[in-house]
Amino acid sequence: MRMLAFVSFLALMLAGCNSSEKQMLEAVRSKLKDPDSAKFTQLDMKATSDGTMEVLCGMLNAKNSYGGYIGARSFTATKSKREEGVFVNMDESADCAKARQIAETVTQNRGKR
């Protein structure tokens, strides 16, 4: 019964997400010891000015290997529409403004080639 409630909650939470955001959240979950325990808050997704990259920022709380929640921590996930995969940063350097600036720089440099 608890599992059904969790799955229902997860489905409702993701219903408002677009497919790119879902893919990025799944990439973040895949880096965790207990992916099902992930609780996301303060999600903010923005595309680069040319629309070829997206950066998702937010806060994440999840269980560690001892089963206790680690407390809310920031994360960034960056996805290119041209390439496969998602770059995930969950350490202390997970800075949303820097991630967006890097994505903009990458897209601008692509245009110069």
N, C-alpha and C. Protein backbone atom coordinates (compact mmCIF):
# COMPACT_ATOMS: atom_id res chain seq x y z
N MET A 1 0.82 -1.19 0.00
CA MET A 1 0.00 0.00 0.00
C MET A 1 0.86 1.26 0.00
N ARG A 2 1.95 1.23 0.83
CA ARG A 2 2.83 2.40 0.88
C ARG A 2 3.51 2.62 -0.47
N MET A 3 3.87 1.53 -1.13
CA MET A 3 4.53 1.64 -2.43
C MET A 3 3.58 2.24 -3.45
N LEU A 4 2.32 1.84 -3.42
CA LEU A 4 1.33 2.39 -4.33
C LEU A 4 1.16 3.88 -4.09
N ALA A 5 1.14 4.29 -2.84
CA ALA A 5 1.02 5.71 -2.51
C ALA A 5 2.23 6.48 -3.00
N PHE A 6 3.43 5.90 -2.83
CA PHE A 6 4.64 6.56 -3.29
C PHE A 6 4.65 6.70 -4.81
N VAL A 7 4.29 5.64 -5.51
CA VAL A 7 4.26 5.68 -6.97
C VAL A 7 3.24 6.70 -7.45
N SER A 8 2.10 6.77 -6.80
CA SER A 8 1.08 7.76 -7.17
C SER A 8 1.59 9.17 -6.95
N PHE A 9 2.26 9.39 -5.80
CA PHE A 9 2.83 10.71 -5.51
C PHE A 9 3.87 11.08 -6.56
N LEU A 10 4.74 10.15 -6.90
CA LEU A 10 5.79 10.40 -7.88
C LEU A 10 5.18 10.72 -9.25
N ALA A 11 4.16 10.00 -9.63
CA ALA A 11 3.50 10.25 -10.91
C ALA A 11 2.88 11.64 -10.95
N LEU A 12 2.25 12.04 -9.85
CA LEU A 12 1.66 13.38 -9.79
C LEU A 12 2.73 14.46 -9.83
N MET A 13 3.85 14.22 -9.14
CA MET A 13 4.92 15.20 -9.10
C MET A 13 5.52 15.39 -10.49
N LEU A 14 5.69 14.31 -11.22
CA LEU A 14 6.31 14.38 -12.53
C LEU A 14 5.33 14.78 -13.63
N ALA A 15 4.05 14.79 -13.33
CA ALA A 15 3.06 15.12 -14.35
C ALA A 15 3.26 16.54 -14.87
N GLY A 16 3.72 17.44 -14.02
CA GLY A 16 3.95 18.82 -14.44
C GLY A 16 5.27 19.03 -15.13
N CYS A 17 6.12 18.03 -15.19
CA CYS A 17 7.45 18.15 -15.80
C CYS A 17 7.39 17.84 -17.29
N ASN A 18 8.24 18.50 -18.06
CA ASN A 18 8.35 18.11 -19.46
C ASN A 18 9.30 16.93 -19.57
N SER A 19 9.41 16.33 -20.72
CA SER A 19 10.22 15.11 -20.87
C SER A 19 11.70 15.37 -20.60
N SER A 20 12.18 16.53 -20.96
CA SER A 20 13.58 16.87 -20.71
C SER A 20 13.85 16.97 -19.21
N GLU A 21 12.94 17.60 -18.49
CA GLU A 21 13.09 17.72 -17.05
C GLU A 21 13.02 16.35 -16.38
N LYS A 22 12.13 15.49 -16.84
CA LYS A 22 12.03 14.13 -16.30
C LYS A 22 13.34 13.39 -16.51
N GLN A 23 13.92 13.51 -17.71
CA GLN A 23 15.17 12.84 -18.01
C GLN A 23 16.29 13.34 -17.09
N MET A 24 16.30 14.63 -16.83
CA MET A 24 17.33 15.21 -15.98
C MET A 24 17.16 14.77 -14.52
N LEU A 25 15.91 14.70 -14.05
CA LEU A 25 15.67 14.23 -12.68
C LEU A 25 16.05 12.77 -12.53
N GLU A 26 15.79 11.96 -13.56
CA GLU A 26 16.19 10.56 -13.52
C GLU A 26 17.72 10.43 -13.48
N ALA A 27 18.42 11.30 -14.19
CA ALA A 27 19.88 11.28 -14.16
C ALA A 27 20.40 11.60 -12.77
N VAL A 28 19.75 12.54 -12.09
CA VAL A 28 20.14 12.88 -10.72
C VAL A 28 19.87 11.68 -9.82
N ARG A 29 18.68 11.09 -9.94
CA ARG A 29 18.33 9.91 -9.13
C ARG A 29 19.33 8.77 -9.31
N SER A 30 19.80 8.60 -10.53
CA SER A 30 20.71 7.48 -10.81
C SER A 30 22.04 7.61 -10.07
N LYS A 31 22.36 8.78 -9.58
CA LYS A 31 23.61 9.00 -8.85
C LYS A 31 23.48 8.73 -7.35
N LEU A 32 22.26 8.44 -6.88
CA LEU A 32 22.00 8.30 -5.45
C LEU A 32 22.09 6.85 -4.98
N LYS A 33 22.38 6.68 -3.69
CA LYS A 33 22.40 5.34 -3.07
C LYS A 33 20.99 4.76 -3.03
N ASP A 34 19.99 5.63 -2.76
CA ASP A 34 18.59 5.21 -2.69
C ASP A 34 17.76 6.13 -3.58
N PRO A 35 17.70 5.86 -4.89
CA PRO A 35 17.02 6.75 -5.83
C PRO A 35 15.56 7.01 -5.50
N ASP A 36 14.88 6.02 -4.91
CA ASP A 36 13.46 6.19 -4.60
C ASP A 36 13.22 7.16 -3.45
N SER A 37 14.26 7.50 -2.69
CA SER A 37 14.08 8.40 -1.56
C SER A 37 14.23 9.87 -1.95
N ALA A 38 14.56 10.16 -3.19
CA ALA A 38 14.83 11.54 -3.62
C ALA A 38 13.60 12.43 -3.45
N LYS A 39 13.84 13.57 -2.81
CA LYS A 39 12.81 14.60 -2.66
C LYS A 39 13.37 15.88 -3.25
N PHE A 40 12.75 16.35 -4.33
CA PHE A 40 13.21 17.55 -5.03
C PHE A 40 12.36 18.74 -4.64
N THR A 41 13.01 19.88 -4.43
CA THR A 41 12.31 21.14 -4.17
C THR A 41 13.00 22.26 -4.94
N GLN A 42 12.33 23.36 -5.04
CA GLN A 42 12.86 24.59 -5.66
C GLN A 42 13.42 24.35 -7.06
N LEU A 43 12.73 23.54 -7.85
CA LEU A 43 13.20 23.24 -9.21
C LEU A 43 13.05 24.46 -10.11
N ASP A 44 14.08 24.73 -10.88
CA ASP A 44 14.08 25.86 -11.81
C ASP A 44 14.85 25.45 -13.05
N MET A 45 14.17 25.42 -14.19
CA MET A 45 14.81 24.99 -15.44
C MET A 45 14.80 26.14 -16.43
N LYS A 46 15.97 26.36 -17.03
CA LYS A 46 16.09 27.41 -18.03
C LYS A 46 16.92 26.89 -19.20
N ALA A 47 16.58 27.34 -20.39
CA ALA A 47 17.34 26.99 -21.58
C ALA A 47 18.32 28.12 -21.89
N THR A 48 19.37 27.78 -22.62
CA THR A 48 20.31 28.80 -23.06
C THR A 48 19.62 29.70 -24.08
N SER A 49 20.24 30.82 -24.38
CA SER A 49 19.61 31.79 -25.27
C SER A 49 19.32 31.22 -26.66
N ASP A 50 20.15 30.28 -27.12
CA ASP A 50 19.88 29.67 -28.43
C ASP A 50 19.03 28.41 -28.34
N GLY A 51 18.69 27.99 -27.11
CA GLY A 51 17.81 26.86 -26.91
C GLY A 51 18.43 25.48 -27.08
N THR A 52 19.76 25.40 -27.23
CA THR A 52 20.38 24.10 -27.48
C THR A 52 20.79 23.37 -26.21
N MET A 53 20.80 24.06 -25.06
CA MET A 53 21.14 23.42 -23.79
C MET A 53 20.13 23.86 -22.73
N GLU A 54 19.91 22.97 -21.76
CA GLU A 54 19.02 23.28 -20.65
C GLU A 54 19.75 23.01 -19.34
N VAL A 55 19.48 23.85 -18.35
CA VAL A 55 20.07 23.68 -17.03
C VAL A 55 18.93 23.61 -16.01
N LEU A 56 18.92 22.54 -15.23
CA LEU A 56 17.93 22.35 -14.17
C LEU A 56 18.65 22.49 -12.84
N CYS A 57 18.14 23.36 -11.99
CA CYS A 57 18.72 23.58 -10.67
C CYS A 57 17.65 23.30 -9.62
N GLY A 58 18.10 22.97 -8.43
CA GLY A 58 17.15 22.77 -7.35
C GLY A 58 17.82 22.25 -6.10
N MET A 59 16.99 21.87 -5.17
CA MET A 59 17.46 21.29 -3.91
C MET A 59 17.01 19.84 -3.88
N LEU A 60 17.84 19.01 -3.24
CA LEU A 60 17.60 17.58 -3.19
C LEU A 60 17.86 17.07 -1.79
N ASN A 61 16.96 16.24 -1.30
CA ASN A 61 17.16 15.54 -0.04
C ASN A 61 16.94 14.06 -0.34
N ALA A 62 17.87 13.23 0.10
CA ALA A 62 17.78 11.78 -0.18
C ALA A 62 18.44 11.01 0.96
N LYS A 63 18.16 9.72 0.99
CA LYS A 63 18.74 8.87 2.04
C LYS A 63 20.17 8.46 1.68
N ASN A 64 21.02 8.38 2.70
CA ASN A 64 22.37 7.88 2.52
C ASN A 64 22.39 6.36 2.72
N SER A 65 23.56 5.77 2.73
CA SER A 65 23.66 4.31 2.83
C SER A 65 23.23 3.79 4.20
N TYR A 66 23.13 4.67 5.21
CA TYR A 66 22.66 4.27 6.54
C TYR A 66 21.14 4.40 6.68
N GLY A 67 20.48 4.91 5.65
CA GLY A 67 19.03 5.04 5.67
C GLY A 67 18.52 6.36 6.21
N GLY A 68 19.41 7.28 6.55
CA GLY A 68 19.00 8.59 7.06
C GLY A 68 19.06 9.63 5.96
N TYR A 69 18.18 10.62 6.04
CA TYR A 69 18.19 11.69 5.05
C TYR A 69 19.39 12.60 5.29
N ILE A 70 20.01 13.06 4.21
CA ILE A 70 21.23 13.85 4.29
C ILE A 70 20.97 15.34 4.53
N GLY A 71 19.75 15.78 4.33
CA GLY A 71 19.44 17.21 4.41
C GLY A 71 19.48 17.81 3.01
N ALA A 72 18.75 18.88 2.81
CA ALA A 72 18.64 19.49 1.48
C ALA A 72 19.99 20.02 1.00
N ARG A 73 20.33 19.65 -0.22
CA ARG A 73 21.57 20.11 -0.86
C ARG A 73 21.26 20.54 -2.28
N SER A 74 22.03 21.49 -2.77
CA SER A 74 21.79 21.98 -4.12
C SER A 74 22.35 21.00 -5.15
N PHE A 75 21.77 21.04 -6.34
CA PHE A 75 22.26 20.24 -7.46
C PHE A 75 22.02 21.02 -8.74
N THR A 76 22.78 20.67 -9.76
CA THR A 76 22.54 21.18 -11.11
C THR A 76 22.60 20.00 -12.06
N ALA A 77 21.81 20.06 -13.11
CA ALA A 77 21.83 19.06 -14.17
C ALA A 77 21.79 19.81 -15.49
N THR A 78 22.71 19.50 -16.38
CA THR A 78 22.82 20.19 -17.66
C THR A 78 22.67 19.18 -18.78
N LYS A 79 21.84 19.53 -19.77
CA LYS A 79 21.56 18.62 -20.89
C LYS A 79 21.66 19.39 -22.19
N SER A 80 22.36 18.78 -23.14
CA SER A 80 22.44 19.35 -24.48
C SER A 80 21.39 18.68 -25.35
N LYS A 81 20.73 19.46 -26.18
CA LYS A 81 19.74 18.88 -27.10
C LYS A 81 20.42 18.21 -28.29
N ARG A 82 21.70 18.48 -28.47
CA ARG A 82 22.45 17.90 -29.60
C ARG A 82 23.09 16.57 -29.25
N GLU A 83 23.34 16.33 -27.98
CA GLU A 83 24.07 15.14 -27.57
C GLU A 83 23.30 14.37 -26.51
N GLU A 84 23.65 13.10 -26.36
CA GLU A 84 23.02 12.24 -25.35
C GLU A 84 23.63 12.53 -23.98
N GLY A 85 22.90 12.20 -22.94
CA GLY A 85 23.43 12.27 -21.60
C GLY A 85 23.13 13.57 -20.88
N VAL A 86 23.31 13.51 -19.57
CA VAL A 86 23.06 14.65 -18.70
C VAL A 86 24.24 14.76 -17.75
N PHE A 87 24.79 15.97 -17.62
CA PHE A 87 25.86 16.20 -16.66
C PHE A 87 25.22 16.61 -15.34
N VAL A 88 25.52 15.88 -14.27
CA VAL A 88 24.93 16.14 -12.95
C VAL A 88 26.02 16.57 -11.98
N ASN A 89 25.76 17.62 -11.24
CA ASN A 89 26.68 18.08 -10.19
C ASN A 89 25.90 18.17 -8.89
N MET A 90 26.34 17.40 -7.87
CA MET A 90 25.66 17.40 -6.58
C MET A 90 26.62 17.72 -5.43
N ASP A 91 27.83 18.21 -5.74
CA ASP A 91 28.74 18.53 -4.64
C ASP A 91 28.60 19.99 -4.23
N GLU A 92 29.48 20.45 -3.36
CA GLU A 92 29.39 21.81 -2.83
C GLU A 92 29.49 22.88 -3.92
N SER A 93 30.06 22.53 -5.06
CA SER A 93 30.21 23.51 -6.13
C SER A 93 28.98 23.59 -7.04
N ALA A 94 27.89 22.94 -6.67
CA ALA A 94 26.68 22.95 -7.50
C ALA A 94 26.03 24.33 -7.42
N ASP A 95 26.47 25.21 -8.28
CA ASP A 95 26.01 26.60 -8.30
C ASP A 95 25.21 26.84 -9.57
N CYS A 96 23.95 27.20 -9.42
CA CYS A 96 23.05 27.35 -10.56
C CYS A 96 23.53 28.44 -11.52
N ALA A 97 23.91 29.58 -10.99
CA ALA A 97 24.34 30.68 -11.86
C ALA A 97 25.57 30.30 -12.67
N LYS A 98 26.52 29.62 -12.03
CA LYS A 98 27.73 29.20 -12.74
C LYS A 98 27.40 28.16 -13.82
N ALA A 99 26.52 27.22 -13.50
CA ALA A 99 26.14 26.19 -14.47
C ALA A 99 25.49 26.83 -15.70
N ARG A 100 24.63 27.81 -15.48
CA ARG A 100 23.98 28.49 -16.61
C ARG A 100 24.99 29.31 -17.41
N GLN A 101 25.93 29.95 -16.73
CA GLN A 101 26.95 30.73 -17.42
C GLN A 101 27.83 29.82 -18.28
N ILE A 102 28.21 28.68 -17.75
CA ILE A 102 29.02 27.72 -18.51
C ILE A 102 28.26 27.23 -19.73
N ALA A 103 26.98 26.91 -19.56
CA ALA A 103 26.16 26.44 -20.68
C ALA A 103 26.08 27.51 -21.77
N GLU A 104 25.91 28.77 -21.39
CA GLU A 104 25.86 29.87 -22.37
C GLU A 104 27.19 29.99 -23.10
N THR A 105 28.30 29.89 -22.37
CA THR A 105 29.62 29.98 -22.98
C THR A 105 29.84 28.85 -23.98
N VAL A 106 29.43 27.65 -23.62
CA VAL A 106 29.58 26.50 -24.52
C VAL A 106 28.79 26.73 -25.80
N THR A 107 27.55 27.18 -25.68
CA THR A 107 26.73 27.37 -26.88
C THR A 107 27.28 28.50 -27.75
N GLN A 108 27.81 29.54 -27.13
CA GLN A 108 28.40 30.64 -27.90
C GLN A 108 29.65 30.18 -28.64
N ASN A 109 30.46 29.37 -27.98
CA ASN A 109 31.68 28.87 -28.61
C ASN A 109 31.38 27.89 -29.74
N ARG A 110 30.28 27.16 -29.65
CA ARG A 110 29.89 26.26 -30.73
C ARG A 110 29.62 27.04 -32.00
N GLY A 111 29.04 28.21 -31.85
CA GLY A 111 28.72 29.05 -33.02
C GLY A 111 29.94 29.62 -33.70
N LYS A 112 31.06 29.66 -33.00
CA LYS A 112 32.30 30.23 -33.56
C LYS A 112 33.09 29.22 -34.36
N ARG A 113 32.73 27.96 -34.28
CA ARG A 113 33.50 26.92 -34.99
C ARG A 113 33.20 26.94 -36.46
